[in-house]
Full PDB file with SEQRES, HELIX, SHEET, SSBOND, CRYST1, ORIGX, SCALE, CONECT and MASTER records, all heavy atoms in Angstrom:
SEQRES   1 A   41  ARG PRO GLN ALA LEU GLN VAL PHE LEU GLU ALA VAL ARG          
SEQRES   2 A   41  ARG PRO ILE VAL CYS GLY ARG VAL ARG VAL MET PHE LEU          
SEQRES   3 A   41  ALA ARG LYS ARG LEU HIS ALA VAL PRO VAL GLN THR VAL          
SEQRES   4 A   41  ASN THR                                                      
HELIX    1 AA1 LEU A   31  ALA A   33  5                                   3    
SHEET    1 AA1 3 LEU A   5  LEU A   9  0                                        
SHEET    2 AA1 3 VAL A  21  ALA A  27  1                                        
SHEET    3 AA1 3 ILE A  16  CYS A  18 -1                                        
CRYST1    1.000    1.000    1.000  90.00  90.00  90.00 P 1           1          
ORIGX1      1.000000  0.000000  0.000000        0.00000                         
ORIGX2      0.000000  1.000000  0.000000        0.00000                         
ORIGX3      0.000000  0.000000  1.000000        0.00000                         
SCALE1      1.000000  0.000000  0.000000        0.00000                         
SCALE2      0.000000  1.000000  0.000000        0.00000                         
SCALE3      0.000000  0.000000  1.000000        0.00000                         
ATOM      1  N   ARG A   1      29.300 149.018 -13.219  1.00  0.00           N  
ATOM      2  CA  ARG A   1      30.256 148.015 -12.933  1.00  0.00           C  
ATOM      3  C   ARG A   1      30.497 147.886 -11.412  1.00  0.00           C  
ATOM      4  O   ARG A   1      30.724 148.834 -10.693  1.00  0.00           O  
ATOM      5  CB  ARG A   1      31.599 148.352 -13.593  1.00  0.00           C  
ATOM      6  CG  ARG A   1      32.651 147.245 -13.522  1.00  0.00           C  
ATOM      7  CD  ARG A   1      33.902 147.628 -14.236  1.00  0.00           C  
ATOM      8  NE  ARG A   1      34.907 146.595 -14.270  1.00  0.00           N  
ATOM      9  CZ  ARG A   1      34.876 145.512 -15.151  1.00  0.00           C  
ATOM     10  NH1 ARG A   1      33.977 145.511 -16.040  1.00  0.00           N  
ATOM     11  NH2 ARG A   1      35.775 144.609 -15.035  1.00  0.00           N  
ATOM     12  N   PRO A   2      30.324 146.625 -10.901  1.00  0.00           N  
ATOM     13  CA  PRO A   2      30.571 146.491  -9.419  1.00  0.00           C  
ATOM     14  C   PRO A   2      31.979 146.836  -9.051  1.00  0.00           C  
ATOM     15  O   PRO A   2      32.958 146.583  -9.819  1.00  0.00           O  
ATOM     16  CB  PRO A   2      30.252 145.018  -9.180  1.00  0.00           C  
ATOM     17  CG  PRO A   2      30.430 144.374 -10.435  1.00  0.00           C  
ATOM     18  CD  PRO A   2      30.087 145.386 -11.505  1.00  0.00           C  
ATOM     19  N   GLN A   3      32.158 147.333  -7.825  1.00  0.00           N  
ATOM     20  CA  GLN A   3      33.485 147.769  -7.409  1.00  0.00           C  
ATOM     21  C   GLN A   3      34.358 146.497  -6.989  1.00  0.00           C  
ATOM     22  O   GLN A   3      35.544 146.621  -6.888  1.00  0.00           O  
ATOM     23  CB  GLN A   3      33.411 148.675  -6.189  1.00  0.00           C  
ATOM     24  CG  GLN A   3      32.770 150.006  -6.520  1.00  0.00           C  
ATOM     25  CD  GLN A   3      32.712 150.977  -5.316  1.00  0.00           C  
ATOM     26  OE1 GLN A   3      32.796 150.593  -4.161  1.00  0.00           O  
ATOM     27  NE2 GLN A   3      32.440 152.201  -5.598  1.00  0.00           N  
ATOM     28  N   ALA A   4      33.703 145.403  -6.734  1.00  0.00           N  
ATOM     29  CA  ALA A   4      34.403 144.185  -6.335  1.00  0.00           C  
ATOM     30  C   ALA A   4      33.739 142.968  -7.048  1.00  0.00           C  
ATOM     31  O   ALA A   4      32.593 143.017  -7.375  1.00  0.00           O  
ATOM     32  CB  ALA A   4      34.400 143.924  -4.832  1.00  0.00           C  
ATOM     33  N   LEU A   5      34.561 141.996  -7.469  1.00  0.00           N  
ATOM     34  CA  LEU A   5      34.018 140.776  -7.963  1.00  0.00           C  
ATOM     35  C   LEU A   5      33.280 140.044  -6.837  1.00  0.00           C  
ATOM     36  O   LEU A   5      33.822 139.800  -5.732  1.00  0.00           O  
ATOM     37  CB  LEU A   5      35.104 139.857  -8.536  1.00  0.00           C  
ATOM     38  CG  LEU A   5      34.642 138.624  -9.223  1.00  0.00           C  
ATOM     39  CD1 LEU A   5      34.093 139.026 -10.669  1.00  0.00           C  
ATOM     40  CD2 LEU A   5      35.794 137.590  -9.423  1.00  0.00           C  
ATOM     41  N   GLN A   6      32.055 139.700  -7.037  1.00  0.00           N  
ATOM     42  CA  GLN A   6      31.159 139.131  -5.971  1.00  0.00           C  
ATOM     43  C   GLN A   6      31.146 137.580  -6.229  1.00  0.00           C  
ATOM     44  O   GLN A   6      30.633 137.089  -7.239  1.00  0.00           O  
ATOM     45  CB  GLN A   6      29.834 139.704  -6.063  1.00  0.00           C  
ATOM     46  CG  GLN A   6      29.817 141.187  -5.727  1.00  0.00           C  
ATOM     47  CD  GLN A   6      28.454 141.900  -6.054  1.00  0.00           C  
ATOM     48  OE1 GLN A   6      27.932 141.790  -7.042  1.00  0.00           O  
ATOM     49  NE2 GLN A   6      27.971 142.584  -5.002  1.00  0.00           N  
ATOM     50  N   VAL A   7      31.657 136.890  -5.278  1.00  0.00           N  
ATOM     51  CA  VAL A   7      31.884 135.416  -5.354  1.00  0.00           C  
ATOM     52  C   VAL A   7      31.176 134.719  -4.182  1.00  0.00           C  
ATOM     53  O   VAL A   7      31.342 135.067  -2.998  1.00  0.00           O  
ATOM     54  CB  VAL A   7      33.377 135.047  -5.311  1.00  0.00           C  
ATOM     55  CG1 VAL A   7      33.568 133.533  -5.412  1.00  0.00           C  
ATOM     56  CG2 VAL A   7      34.139 135.725  -6.447  1.00  0.00           C  
ATOM     57  N   PHE A   8      30.361 133.730  -4.556  1.00  0.00           N  
ATOM     58  CA  PHE A   8      29.630 132.957  -3.559  1.00  0.00           C  
ATOM     59  C   PHE A   8      30.429 131.702  -3.180  1.00  0.00           C  
ATOM     60  O   PHE A   8      30.964 130.986  -4.076  1.00  0.00           O  
ATOM     61  CB  PHE A   8      28.283 132.527  -4.004  1.00  0.00           C  
ATOM     62  CG  PHE A   8      27.211 133.624  -3.851  1.00  0.00           C  
ATOM     63  CD1 PHE A   8      26.851 134.337  -5.087  1.00  0.00           C  
ATOM     64  CD2 PHE A   8      26.661 133.939  -2.703  1.00  0.00           C  
ATOM     65  CE1 PHE A   8      25.976 135.302  -4.939  1.00  0.00           C  
ATOM     66  CE2 PHE A   8      25.644 134.972  -2.667  1.00  0.00           C  
ATOM     67  CZ  PHE A   8      25.387 135.654  -3.815  1.00  0.00           C  
ATOM     68  N   LEU A   9      30.497 131.418  -1.883  1.00  0.00           N  
ATOM     69  CA  LEU A   9      31.163 130.272  -1.263  1.00  0.00           C  
ATOM     70  C   LEU A   9      30.160 129.538  -0.354  1.00  0.00           C  
ATOM     71  O   LEU A   9      29.120 130.124   0.008  1.00  0.00           O  
ATOM     72  CB  LEU A   9      32.412 130.509  -0.585  1.00  0.00           C  
ATOM     73  CG  LEU A   9      33.560 131.259  -1.361  1.00  0.00           C  
ATOM     74  CD1 LEU A   9      34.724 131.685  -0.362  1.00  0.00           C  
ATOM     75  CD2 LEU A   9      34.072 130.383  -2.448  1.00  0.00           C  
ATOM     76  N   GLU A  10      30.521 128.419   0.194  1.00  0.00           N  
ATOM     77  CA  GLU A  10      29.636 127.776   1.208  1.00  0.00           C  
ATOM     78  C   GLU A  10      29.808 128.433   2.554  1.00  0.00           C  
ATOM     79  O   GLU A  10      28.931 128.319   3.419  1.00  0.00           O  
ATOM     80  CB  GLU A  10      30.034 126.282   1.321  1.00  0.00           C  
ATOM     81  CG  GLU A  10      29.599 125.548   0.112  1.00  0.00           C  
ATOM     82  CD  GLU A  10      30.025 124.047   0.116  1.00  0.00           C  
ATOM     83  OE1 GLU A  10      31.211 123.791   0.525  1.00  0.00           O  
ATOM     84  OE2 GLU A  10      29.211 123.201  -0.134  1.00  0.00           O  
ATOM     85  N   ALA A  11      30.854 129.164   2.719  1.00  0.00           N  
ATOM     86  CA  ALA A  11      31.147 129.864   4.073  1.00  0.00           C  
ATOM     87  C   ALA A  11      31.798 131.212   3.784  1.00  0.00           C  
ATOM     88  O   ALA A  11      32.562 131.306   2.750  1.00  0.00           O  
ATOM     89  CB  ALA A  11      31.979 129.054   4.921  1.00  0.00           C  
ATOM     90  N   VAL A  12      31.665 132.139   4.629  1.00  0.00           N  
ATOM     91  CA  VAL A  12      32.260 133.465   4.452  1.00  0.00           C  
ATOM     92  C   VAL A  12      33.795 133.372   4.488  1.00  0.00           C  
ATOM     93  O   VAL A  12      34.334 132.651   5.229  1.00  0.00           O  
ATOM     94  CB  VAL A  12      31.814 134.382   5.538  1.00  0.00           C  
ATOM     95  CG1 VAL A  12      32.502 135.802   5.442  1.00  0.00           C  
ATOM     96  CG2 VAL A  12      30.282 134.629   5.401  1.00  0.00           C  
ATOM     97  N   ARG A  13      34.434 134.162   3.708  1.00  0.00           N  
ATOM     98  CA  ARG A  13      35.961 134.191   3.600  1.00  0.00           C  
ATOM     99  C   ARG A  13      36.298 135.677   3.604  1.00  0.00           C  
ATOM    100  O   ARG A  13      35.550 136.521   3.049  1.00  0.00           O  
ATOM    101  CB  ARG A  13      36.435 133.514   2.407  1.00  0.00           C  
ATOM    102  CG  ARG A  13      38.001 133.562   2.236  1.00  0.00           C  
ATOM    103  CD  ARG A  13      38.429 132.865   0.926  1.00  0.00           C  
ATOM    104  NE  ARG A  13      39.848 133.076   0.645  1.00  0.00           N  
ATOM    105  CZ  ARG A  13      40.785 132.325   1.144  1.00  0.00           C  
ATOM    106  NH1 ARG A  13      40.491 131.214   1.881  1.00  0.00           N  
ATOM    107  NH2 ARG A  13      41.984 132.527   0.795  1.00  0.00           N  
ATOM    108  N   ARG A  14      37.412 136.051   4.121  1.00  0.00           N  
ATOM    109  CA  ARG A  14      37.887 137.442   4.171  1.00  0.00           C  
ATOM    110  C   ARG A  14      37.992 137.937   2.693  1.00  0.00           C  
ATOM    111  O   ARG A  14      38.380 137.187   1.760  1.00  0.00           O  
ATOM    112  CB  ARG A  14      39.225 137.544   4.848  1.00  0.00           C  
ATOM    113  CG  ARG A  14      39.155 137.330   6.345  1.00  0.00           C  
ATOM    114  CD  ARG A  14      40.563 137.323   6.925  1.00  0.00           C  
ATOM    115  NE  ARG A  14      41.261 138.585   6.730  1.00  0.00           N  
ATOM    116  CZ  ARG A  14      41.191 139.593   7.570  1.00  0.00           C  
ATOM    117  NH1 ARG A  14      40.388 139.489   8.665  1.00  0.00           N  
ATOM    118  NH2 ARG A  14      41.828 140.724   7.352  1.00  0.00           N  
ATOM    119  N   PRO A  15      37.724 139.230   2.484  1.00  0.00           N  
ATOM    120  CA  PRO A  15      37.814 139.706   1.085  1.00  0.00           C  
ATOM    121  C   PRO A  15      39.237 139.770   0.641  1.00  0.00           C  
ATOM    122  O   PRO A  15      40.204 139.788   1.457  1.00  0.00           O  
ATOM    123  CB  PRO A  15      37.230 141.132   1.229  1.00  0.00           C  
ATOM    124  CG  PRO A  15      37.363 141.456   2.688  1.00  0.00           C  
ATOM    125  CD  PRO A  15      37.183 140.168   3.386  1.00  0.00           C  
ATOM    126  N   ILE A  16      39.408 139.880  -0.603  1.00  0.00           N  
ATOM    127  CA  ILE A  16      40.759 139.915  -1.237  1.00  0.00           C  
ATOM    128  C   ILE A  16      40.962 141.351  -1.698  1.00  0.00           C  
ATOM    129  O   ILE A  16      40.148 141.926  -2.369  1.00  0.00           O  
ATOM    130  CB  ILE A  16      40.943 138.933  -2.437  1.00  0.00           C  
ATOM    131  CG1 ILE A  16      41.082 137.482  -1.902  1.00  0.00           C  
ATOM    132  CG2 ILE A  16      42.115 139.365  -3.273  1.00  0.00           C  
ATOM    133  CD1 ILE A  16      41.126 136.505  -3.016  1.00  0.00           C  
ATOM    134  N   VAL A  17      42.169 141.877  -1.274  1.00  0.00           N  
ATOM    135  CA  VAL A  17      42.560 143.223  -1.802  1.00  0.00           C  
ATOM    136  C   VAL A  17      43.890 143.016  -2.431  1.00  0.00           C  
ATOM    137  O   VAL A  17      44.802 142.619  -1.756  1.00  0.00           O  
ATOM    138  CB  VAL A  17      42.562 144.243  -0.717  1.00  0.00           C  
ATOM    139  CG1 VAL A  17      43.085 145.601  -1.238  1.00  0.00           C  
ATOM    140  CG2 VAL A  17      41.215 144.433  -0.016  1.00  0.00           C  
ATOM    141  N   CYS A  18      44.052 143.273  -3.659  1.00  0.00           N  
ATOM    142  CA  CYS A  18      45.301 143.086  -4.447  1.00  0.00           C  
ATOM    143  C   CYS A  18      45.464 144.226  -5.415  1.00  0.00           C  
ATOM    144  O   CYS A  18      44.849 144.210  -6.464  1.00  0.00           O  
ATOM    145  CB  CYS A  18      45.179 141.729  -5.176  1.00  0.00           C  
ATOM    146  SG  CYS A  18      46.737 141.245  -6.083  1.00  0.00           S  
ATOM    147  N   GLY A  19      46.323 145.130  -4.993  1.00  0.00           N  
ATOM    148  CA  GLY A  19      46.393 146.357  -5.817  1.00  0.00           C  
ATOM    149  C   GLY A  19      45.077 147.090  -5.905  1.00  0.00           C  
ATOM    150  O   GLY A  19      44.391 147.335  -4.856  1.00  0.00           O  
ATOM    151  N   ARG A  20      44.582 147.303  -7.035  1.00  0.00           N  
ATOM    152  CA  ARG A  20      43.257 148.002  -7.205  1.00  0.00           C  
ATOM    153  C   ARG A  20      42.115 146.933  -7.346  1.00  0.00           C  
ATOM    154  O   ARG A  20      40.946 147.264  -7.581  1.00  0.00           O  
ATOM    155  CB  ARG A  20      43.257 148.913  -8.418  1.00  0.00           C  
ATOM    156  CG  ARG A  20      44.112 150.175  -8.182  1.00  0.00           C  
ATOM    157  CD  ARG A  20      44.378 150.893  -9.505  1.00  0.00           C  
ATOM    158  NE  ARG A  20      43.164 151.215 -10.131  1.00  0.00           N  
ATOM    159  CZ  ARG A  20      43.046 151.547 -11.471  1.00  0.00           C  
ATOM    160  NH1 ARG A  20      44.132 151.576 -12.158  1.00  0.00           N  
ATOM    161  NH2 ARG A  20      41.845 151.938 -11.977  1.00  0.00           N  
ATOM    162  N   VAL A  21      42.437 145.688  -7.268  1.00  0.00           N  
ATOM    163  CA  VAL A  21      41.495 144.566  -7.413  1.00  0.00           C  
ATOM    164  C   VAL A  21      40.873 144.239  -6.073  1.00  0.00           C  
ATOM    165  O   VAL A  21      41.558 144.204  -5.051  1.00  0.00           O  
ATOM    166  CB  VAL A  21      42.215 143.301  -8.022  1.00  0.00           C  
ATOM    167  CG1 VAL A  21      41.331 142.073  -7.817  1.00  0.00           C  
ATOM    168  CG2 VAL A  21      42.544 143.549  -9.487  1.00  0.00           C  
ATOM    169  N   ARG A  22      39.496 144.046  -6.109  1.00  0.00           N  
ATOM    170  CA  ARG A  22      38.814 143.677  -4.944  1.00  0.00           C  
ATOM    171  C   ARG A  22      37.900 142.440  -5.249  1.00  0.00           C  
ATOM    172  O   ARG A  22      37.271 142.408  -6.301  1.00  0.00           O  
ATOM    173  CB  ARG A  22      37.889 144.828  -4.468  1.00  0.00           C  
ATOM    174  CG  ARG A  22      38.598 146.129  -4.175  1.00  0.00           C  
ATOM    175  CD  ARG A  22      39.444 146.040  -2.909  1.00  0.00           C  
ATOM    176  NE  ARG A  22      40.076 147.293  -2.592  1.00  0.00           N  
ATOM    177  CZ  ARG A  22      41.215 147.804  -3.061  1.00  0.00           C  
ATOM    178  NH1 ARG A  22      41.927 147.019  -3.915  1.00  0.00           N  
ATOM    179  NH2 ARG A  22      41.671 148.898  -2.665  1.00  0.00           N  
ATOM    180  N   VAL A  23      37.857 141.517  -4.286  1.00  0.00           N  
ATOM    181  CA  VAL A  23      36.937 140.340  -4.357  1.00  0.00           C  
ATOM    182  C   VAL A  23      36.141 140.267  -3.125  1.00  0.00           C  
ATOM    183  O   VAL A  23      36.768 140.229  -2.000  1.00  0.00           O  
ATOM    184  CB  VAL A  23      37.793 139.036  -4.664  1.00  0.00           C  
ATOM    185  CG1 VAL A  23      36.793 137.890  -4.742  1.00  0.00           C  
ATOM    186  CG2 VAL A  23      38.612 139.175  -5.855  1.00  0.00           C  
ATOM    187  N   MET A  24      34.859 140.181  -3.169  1.00  0.00           N  
ATOM    188  CA  MET A  24      33.934 140.059  -2.065  1.00  0.00           C  
ATOM    189  C   MET A  24      33.375 138.678  -2.012  1.00  0.00           C  
ATOM    190  O   MET A  24      32.953 138.218  -3.042  1.00  0.00           O  
ATOM    191  CB  MET A  24      32.806 141.078  -2.138  1.00  0.00           C  
ATOM    192  CG  MET A  24      31.777 140.904  -1.024  1.00  0.00           C  
ATOM    193  SD  MET A  24      30.277 141.784  -1.484  1.00  0.00           S  
ATOM    194  CE  MET A  24      30.821 143.500  -1.570  1.00  0.00           C  
ATOM    195  N   PHE A  25      33.456 137.991  -0.913  1.00  0.00           N  
ATOM    196  CA  PHE A  25      32.968 136.677  -0.714  1.00  0.00           C  
ATOM    197  C   PHE A  25      31.679 136.667   0.056  1.00  0.00           C  
ATOM    198  O   PHE A  25      31.575 137.374   1.087  1.00  0.00           O  
ATOM    199  CB  PHE A  25      33.971 135.721  -0.099  1.00  0.00           C  
ATOM    200  CG  PHE A  25      35.134 135.514  -0.893  1.00  0.00           C  
ATOM    201  CD1 PHE A  25      36.458 136.221  -0.591  1.00  0.00           C  
ATOM    202  CD2 PHE A  25      35.195 134.676  -2.020  1.00  0.00           C  
ATOM    203  CE1 PHE A  25      37.555 135.996  -1.328  1.00  0.00           C  
ATOM    204  CE2 PHE A  25      36.362 134.499  -2.796  1.00  0.00           C  
ATOM    205  CZ  PHE A  25      37.477 135.135  -2.437  1.00  0.00           C  
ATOM    206  N   LEU A  26      30.710 136.011  -0.406  1.00  0.00           N  
ATOM    207  CA  LEU A  26      29.378 135.862   0.311  1.00  0.00           C  
ATOM    208  C   LEU A  26      29.085 134.344   0.500  1.00  0.00           C  
ATOM    209  O   LEU A  26      29.436 133.547  -0.338  1.00  0.00           O  
ATOM    210  CB  LEU A  26      28.291 136.483  -0.480  1.00  0.00           C  
ATOM    211  CG  LEU A  26      28.488 137.987  -0.857  1.00  0.00           C  
ATOM    212  CD1 LEU A  26      28.935 138.095  -2.351  1.00  0.00           C  
ATOM    213  CD2 LEU A  26      27.164 138.680  -0.647  1.00  0.00           C  
ATOM    214  N   ALA A  27      28.418 134.078   1.645  1.00  0.00           N  
ATOM    215  CA  ALA A  27      28.026 132.719   1.949  1.00  0.00           C  
ATOM    216  C   ALA A  27      26.633 132.458   1.312  1.00  0.00           C  
ATOM    217  O   ALA A  27      25.797 133.201   1.345  1.00  0.00           O  
ATOM    218  CB  ALA A  27      27.952 132.519   3.470  1.00  0.00           C  
ATOM    219  N   ARG A  28      26.585 131.192   0.679  1.00  0.00           N  
ATOM    220  CA  ARG A  28      25.337 130.780   0.017  1.00  0.00           C  
ATOM    221  C   ARG A  28      24.919 129.428   0.458  1.00  0.00           C  
ATOM    222  O   ARG A  28      25.672 128.454   0.304  1.00  0.00           O  
ATOM    223  CB  ARG A  28      25.468 130.824  -1.524  1.00  0.00           C  
ATOM    224  CG  ARG A  28      24.288 130.449  -2.371  1.00  0.00           C  
ATOM    225  CD  ARG A  28      23.183 131.405  -2.131  1.00  0.00           C  
ATOM    226  NE  ARG A  28      22.199 131.402  -3.180  1.00  0.00           N  
ATOM    227  CZ  ARG A  28      21.154 130.632  -3.305  1.00  0.00           C  
ATOM    228  NH1 ARG A  28      20.848 129.740  -2.322  1.00  0.00           N  
ATOM    229  NH2 ARG A  28      20.272 130.664  -4.279  1.00  0.00           N  
ATOM    230  N   LYS A  29      23.784 129.268   1.085  1.00  0.00           N  
ATOM    231  CA  LYS A  29      23.246 127.946   1.504  1.00  0.00           C  
ATOM    232  C   LYS A  29      22.876 127.260   0.188  1.00  0.00           C  
ATOM    233  O   LYS A  29      22.488 127.877  -0.825  1.00  0.00           O  
ATOM    234  CB  LYS A  29      22.039 128.039   2.344  1.00  0.00           C  
ATOM    235  CG  LYS A  29      22.388 128.585   3.761  1.00  0.00           C  
ATOM    236  CD  LYS A  29      21.087 128.658   4.631  1.00  0.00           C  
ATOM    237  CE  LYS A  29      21.418 129.148   6.007  1.00  0.00           C  
ATOM    238  NZ  LYS A  29      20.224 129.289   6.856  1.00  0.00           N  
ATOM    239  N   ARG A  30      23.038 125.908   0.217  1.00  0.00           N  
ATOM    240  CA  ARG A  30      22.695 125.035  -0.964  1.00  0.00           C  
ATOM    241  C   ARG A  30      23.412 125.511  -2.236  1.00  0.00           C  
ATOM    242  O   ARG A  30      22.877 125.533  -3.335  1.00  0.00           O  
ATOM    243  CB  ARG A  30      21.138 125.061  -1.181  1.00  0.00           C  
ATOM    244  CG  ARG A  30      20.374 124.549  -0.010  1.00  0.00           C  
ATOM    245  CD  ARG A  30      18.856 124.365  -0.411  1.00  0.00           C  
ATOM    246  NE  ARG A  30      18.739 123.366  -1.463  1.00  0.00           N  
ATOM    247  CZ  ARG A  30      17.652 123.253  -2.221  1.00  0.00           C  
ATOM    248  NH1 ARG A  30      16.618 124.005  -2.035  1.00  0.00           N  
ATOM    249  NH2 ARG A  30      17.583 122.257  -3.086  1.00  0.00           N  
ATOM    250  N   LEU A  31      24.730 125.854  -2.047  1.00  0.00           N  
ATOM    251  CA  LEU A  31      25.467 126.283  -3.113  1.00  0.00           C  
ATOM    252  C   LEU A  31      25.521 125.343  -4.372  1.00  0.00           C  
ATOM    253  O   LEU A  31      25.390 125.730  -5.491  1.00  0.00           O  
ATOM    254  CB  LEU A  31      26.945 126.554  -2.643  1.00  0.00           C  
ATOM    255  CG  LEU A  31      27.909 127.120  -3.669  1.00  0.00           C  
ATOM    256  CD1 LEU A  31      27.764 128.657  -3.681  1.00  0.00           C  
ATOM    257  CD2 LEU A  31      29.362 126.770  -3.289  1.00  0.00           C  
ATOM    258  N   HIS A  32      25.606 124.066  -4.019  1.00  0.00           N  
ATOM    259  CA  HIS A  32      25.625 123.047  -5.109  1.00  0.00           C  
ATOM    260  C   HIS A  32      24.381 122.949  -5.944  1.00  0.00           C  
ATOM    261  O   HIS A  32      24.434 122.507  -7.005  1.00  0.00           O  
ATOM    262  CB  HIS A  32      25.985 121.682  -4.521  1.00  0.00           C  
ATOM    263  CG  HIS A  32      27.400 121.555  -4.024  1.00  0.00           C  
ATOM    264  ND1 HIS A  32      28.483 121.331  -4.844  1.00  0.00           N  
ATOM    265  CD2 HIS A  32      27.893 121.585  -2.741  1.00  0.00           C  
ATOM    266  CE1 HIS A  32      29.575 121.282  -4.072  1.00  0.00           C  
ATOM    267  NE2 HIS A  32      29.276 121.461  -2.903  1.00  0.00           N  
ATOM    268  N   ALA A  33      23.301 123.438  -5.379  1.00  0.00           N  
ATOM    269  CA  ALA A  33      22.033 123.366  -6.105  1.00  0.00           C  
ATOM    270  C   ALA A  33      21.750 124.549  -6.956  1.00  0.00           C  
ATOM    271  O   ALA A  33      20.846 124.544  -7.759  1.00  0.00           O  
ATOM    272  CB  ALA A  33      20.893 123.219  -5.097  1.00  0.00           C  
ATOM    273  N   VAL A  34      22.598 125.594  -6.913  1.00  0.00           N  
ATOM    274  CA  VAL A  34      22.399 126.819  -7.699  1.00  0.00           C  
ATOM    275  C   VAL A  34      22.873 126.525  -9.139  1.00  0.00           C  
ATOM    276  O   VAL A  34      24.058 126.183  -9.333  1.00  0.00           O  
ATOM    277  CB  VAL A  34      23.214 127.935  -7.098  1.00  0.00           C  
ATOM    278  CG1 VAL A  34      23.025 129.197  -8.039  1.00  0.00           C  
ATOM    279  CG2 VAL A  34      22.716 128.257  -5.679  1.00  0.00           C  
ATOM    280  N   PRO A  35      21.998 126.809 -10.089  1.00  0.00           N  
ATOM    281  CA  PRO A  35      22.460 126.578 -11.554  1.00  0.00           C  
ATOM    282  C   PRO A  35      23.533 127.586 -11.957  1.00  0.00           C  
ATOM    283  O   PRO A  35      23.422 128.780 -11.708  1.00  0.00           O  
ATOM    284  CB  PRO A  35      21.170 126.812 -12.331  1.00  0.00           C  
ATOM    285  CG  PRO A  35      20.070 126.577 -11.344  1.00  0.00           C  
ATOM    286  CD  PRO A  35      20.646 127.011 -10.070  1.00  0.00           C  
ATOM    287  N   VAL A  36      24.643 127.055 -12.553  1.00  0.00           N  
ATOM    288  CA  VAL A  36      25.734 127.896 -12.951  1.00  0.00           C  
ATOM    289  C   VAL A  36      26.153 127.595 -14.390  1.00  0.00           C  
ATOM    290  O   VAL A  36      25.604 126.573 -14.987  1.00  0.00           O  
ATOM    291  CB  VAL A  36      26.992 127.712 -12.039  1.00  0.00           C  
ATOM    292  CG1 VAL A  36      26.665 128.108 -10.596  1.00  0.00           C  
ATOM    293  CG2 VAL A  36      27.479 126.218 -12.102  1.00  0.00           C  
ATOM    294  N   GLN A  37      26.936 128.446 -15.005  1.00  0.00           N  
ATOM    295  CA  GLN A  37      27.451 128.174 -16.321  1.00  0.00           C  
ATOM    296  C   GLN A  37      28.919 128.657 -16.346  1.00  0.00           C  
ATOM    297  O   GLN A  37      29.346 129.372 -15.457  1.00  0.00           O  
ATOM    298  CB  GLN A  37      26.612 128.893 -17.375  1.00  0.00           C  
ATOM    299  CG  GLN A  37      26.689 130.404 -17.289  1.00  0.00           C  
ATOM    300  CD  GLN A  37      25.773 131.013 -18.215  1.00  0.00           C  
ATOM    301  OE1 GLN A  37      24.561 131.128 -18.103  1.00  0.00           O  
ATOM    302  NE2 GLN A  37      26.316 131.588 -19.354  1.00  0.00           N  
ATOM    303  N   THR A  38      29.632 128.231 -17.375  1.00  0.00           N  
ATOM    304  CA  THR A  38      31.089 128.645 -17.516  1.00  0.00           C  
ATOM    305  C   THR A  38      31.174 129.673 -18.610  1.00  0.00           C  
ATOM    306  O   THR A  38      30.606 129.532 -19.710  1.00  0.00           O  
ATOM    307  CB  THR A  38      31.893 127.361 -17.899  1.00  0.00           C  
ATOM    308  OG1 THR A  38      31.754 126.440 -16.830  1.00  0.00           O  
ATOM    309  CG2 THR A  38      33.410 127.830 -17.991  1.00  0.00           C  
ATOM    310  N   VAL A  39      31.947 130.723 -18.250  1.00  0.00           N  
ATOM    311  CA  VAL A  39      32.303 131.733 -19.304  1.00  0.00           C  
ATOM    312  C   VAL A  39      33.796 131.665 -19.456  1.00  0.00           C  
ATOM    313  O   VAL A  39      34.529 131.342 -18.514  1.00  0.00           O  
ATOM    314  CB  VAL A  39      31.758 133.114 -18.939  1.00  0.00           C  
ATOM    315  CG1 VAL A  39      30.234 133.154 -18.915  1.00  0.00           C  
ATOM    316  CG2 VAL A  39      32.329 133.598 -17.621  1.00  0.00           C  
ATOM    317  N   ASN A  40      34.253 132.039 -20.632  1.00  0.00           N  
ATOM    318  CA  ASN A  40      35.701 131.998 -20.902  1.00  0.00           C  
ATOM    319  C   ASN A  40      36.356 133.368 -20.512  1.00  0.00           C  
ATOM    320  O   ASN A  40      35.758 134.506 -20.712  1.00  0.00           O  
ATOM    321  CB  ASN A  40      35.962 131.756 -22.333  1.00  0.00           C  
ATOM    322  CG  ASN A  40      35.596 130.336 -22.720  1.00  0.00           C  
ATOM    323  OD1 ASN A  40      35.745 129.394 -21.967  1.00  0.00           O  
ATOM    324  ND2 ASN A  40      35.071 130.153 -23.991  1.00  0.00           N  
ATOM    325  N   THR A  41      37.546 133.324 -19.912  1.00  0.00           N  
ATOM    326  CA  THR A  41      38.407 134.419 -19.720  1.00  0.00           C  
ATOM    327  C   THR A  41      39.765 134.166 -20.399  1.00  0.00           C  
ATOM    328  O   THR A  41      39.972 133.052 -20.833  1.00  0.00           O  
ATOM    329  CB  THR A  41      38.609 134.623 -18.156  1.00  0.00           C  
ATOM    330  OG1 THR A  41      39.568 133.726 -17.757  1.00  0.00           O  
ATOM    331  CG2 THR A  41      37.335 134.472 -17.393  1.00  0.00           C  
TER     332      THR A  41                                                      
MASTER        0    0    0    1    3    0    0    6  331    1    0    4          
END                                                                             
C-alpha cells in the first residue's frame, strides 16, 4: 500500500498532509491524453 495517494496534475502542487492522510501530486505532460476510468468511493 502506498504511503500517499499519488495524484497527477498538469503542474506540481504542494503535497497535502491532513492528520495521517498524505497526498502526493505529480506533474504529467499531456494529462488530457492519458486514458482514465472512474471507480466508486
